[in-house]
Amino acid sequence: MAVYESRTREQIRVDIGHALGALYNSSTSSAGNAGGTTLLDTSLPNADDTFNGDWGVLTSGGNDGNIRVVDDYTGSSKTITLRTAATGQVLSSATYELWDEDFPPA
């Protein structure tokens, strides 16, 4: 029997990302802007530009499955700005993954 036989693609992707040290996953702490270009997470570090160029994968709600490049990260406000808007506003408690730019999650 295969080890991953009963696991979803998302679960396998997350396992691989953690094994590579290329994945940070969390959930938002409050809603982003109405245009769907930002997400906020107070658990992120304070250093500006930490995630610039990385891949963001939204994994819940109406944006589930959206993969976007992180255009900018502002540490003081814990705001990730996406290069291309998500399908809709990223709401509070939405789950997401951040992938190192060298490991596209698709």
Protein backbone atom coordinates (compact mmCIF):
# COMPACT_ATOMS: atom_id res chain seq x y z
CA MET A 1 0.00 0.00 0.00
CA ALA A 2 1.29 3.48 -0.90
CA VAL A 3 2.13 5.76 2.01
CA TYR A 4 0.08 8.64 0.56
CA GLU A 5 -2.82 6.58 -0.76
CA SER A 6 -5.43 8.14 1.54
CA ARG A 7 -4.01 11.67 1.55
CA THR A 8 -5.20 14.65 -0.49
CA ARG A 9 -2.99 16.52 -2.95
CA GLU A 10 -2.95 19.45 -0.55
CA GLN A 11 -1.74 17.28 2.34
CA ILE A 12 1.00 15.78 0.18
CA ARG A 13 2.05 19.24 -1.09
CA VAL A 14 2.30 20.53 2.49
CA ASP A 15 4.35 17.50 3.60
CA ILE A 16 6.77 18.03 0.72
CA GLY A 17 7.02 21.76 1.42
CA HIS A 18 7.87 21.18 5.06
CA ALA A 19 10.42 18.49 4.16
CA LEU A 20 12.13 20.94 1.79
CA GLY A 21 12.01 23.78 4.32
CA ALA A 22 10.24 25.81 1.63
CA LEU A 23 6.84 26.28 3.24
CA TYR A 24 5.30 28.50 5.88
CA ASN A 25 1.59 27.96 6.50
CA SER A 26 -0.73 29.93 8.74
CA SER A 27 -4.06 31.74 8.82
CA THR A 28 -4.94 35.41 8.54
CA SER A 29 -5.66 37.44 11.65
CA SER A 30 -7.95 39.99 10.01
CA ALA A 31 -9.49 40.70 6.62
CA GLY A 32 -7.41 42.15 3.80
CA ASN A 33 -8.59 44.89 1.47
CA ALA A 34 -11.83 44.49 -0.48
CA GLY A 35 -9.94 44.20 -3.77
CA GLY A 36 -8.32 40.92 -2.75
CA THR A 37 -4.73 42.14 -3.06
CA THR A 38 -3.72 41.93 0.61
CA LEU A 39 -3.75 39.53 3.51
CA LEU A 40 -2.87 40.25 7.13
CA ASP A 41 -1.29 37.91 9.66
CA THR A 42 0.03 39.14 13.02
CA SER A 43 2.15 35.98 13.43
CA LEU A 44 4.52 37.04 10.65
CA PRO A 45 7.97 38.59 11.28
CA ASN A 46 8.66 42.34 11.47
CA ALA A 47 11.27 42.51 8.68
CA ASP A 48 10.08 44.24 5.50
CA ASP A 49 10.33 42.35 2.20
CA THR A 50 10.74 38.96 3.93
CA PHE A 51 8.34 37.23 1.53
CA ASN A 52 8.79 39.35 -1.61
CA GLY A 53 8.79 37.10 -4.68
CA ASP A 54 7.49 34.09 -2.75
CA TRP A 55 4.36 32.19 -3.75
CA GLY A 56 1.13 32.58 -1.81
CA VAL A 57 -1.44 29.78 -1.93
CA LEU A 58 -4.86 30.53 -0.47
CA THR A 59 -6.30 27.31 0.94
CA SER A 60 -9.77 28.12 2.24
CA GLY A 61 -12.99 29.98 1.48
CA GLY A 62 -13.82 31.54 -1.85
CA ASN A 63 -10.14 31.97 -2.70
CA ASP A 64 -9.24 28.31 -2.13
CA GLY A 65 -6.68 27.24 -4.70
CA ASN A 66 -5.63 30.75 -5.76
CA ILE A 67 -1.85 30.86 -6.28
CA ARG A 68 -0.32 34.34 -6.40
CA VAL A 69 3.15 35.88 -6.26
CA VAL A 70 3.86 38.06 -3.21
CA ASP A 71 4.64 41.52 -4.56
CA ASP A 72 5.51 43.13 -1.23
CA TYR A 73 5.60 42.42 2.48
CA THR A 74 5.41 45.19 5.10
CA GLY A 75 6.60 43.92 8.47
CA SER A 76 5.29 46.78 10.60
CA SER A 77 1.70 46.12 9.53
CA LYS A 78 2.15 42.36 8.84
CA THR A 79 0.67 42.91 5.38
CA ILE A 80 1.31 40.73 2.36
CA THR A 81 0.47 42.40 -0.96
CA LEU A 82 -0.24 40.04 -3.84
CA ARG A 83 0.94 40.89 -7.34
CA THR A 84 -2.41 39.82 -8.80
CA ALA A 85 -5.66 40.05 -6.85
CA ALA A 86 -7.24 36.91 -5.43
CA THR A 87 -10.73 35.95 -6.58
CA GLY A 88 -12.19 37.99 -3.70
CA GLN A 89 -11.33 39.64 -0.40
CA VAL A 90 -9.10 37.52 1.85
CA LEU A 91 -11.13 37.28 5.04
CA SER A 92 -10.12 36.81 8.66
CA SER A 93 -9.11 33.24 9.57
CA ALA A 94 -8.47 32.31 5.92
CA THR A 95 -5.75 29.70 5.67
CA TYR A 96 -2.80 30.12 3.35
CA GLU A 97 0.67 28.86 2.52
CA LEU A 98 3.80 30.82 1.64
CA TRP A 99 6.27 28.98 -0.58
CA ASP A 100 9.87 29.95 -1.24
CA GLU A 101 10.15 31.55 -4.68
CA ASP A 102 12.35 28.64 -5.86
CA PHE A 103 9.56 26.11 -5.19
CA PRO A 104 6.40 27.00 -7.15
CA PRO A 105 3.57 25.12 -5.45
CA ALA A 106 1.67 24.30 -8.65
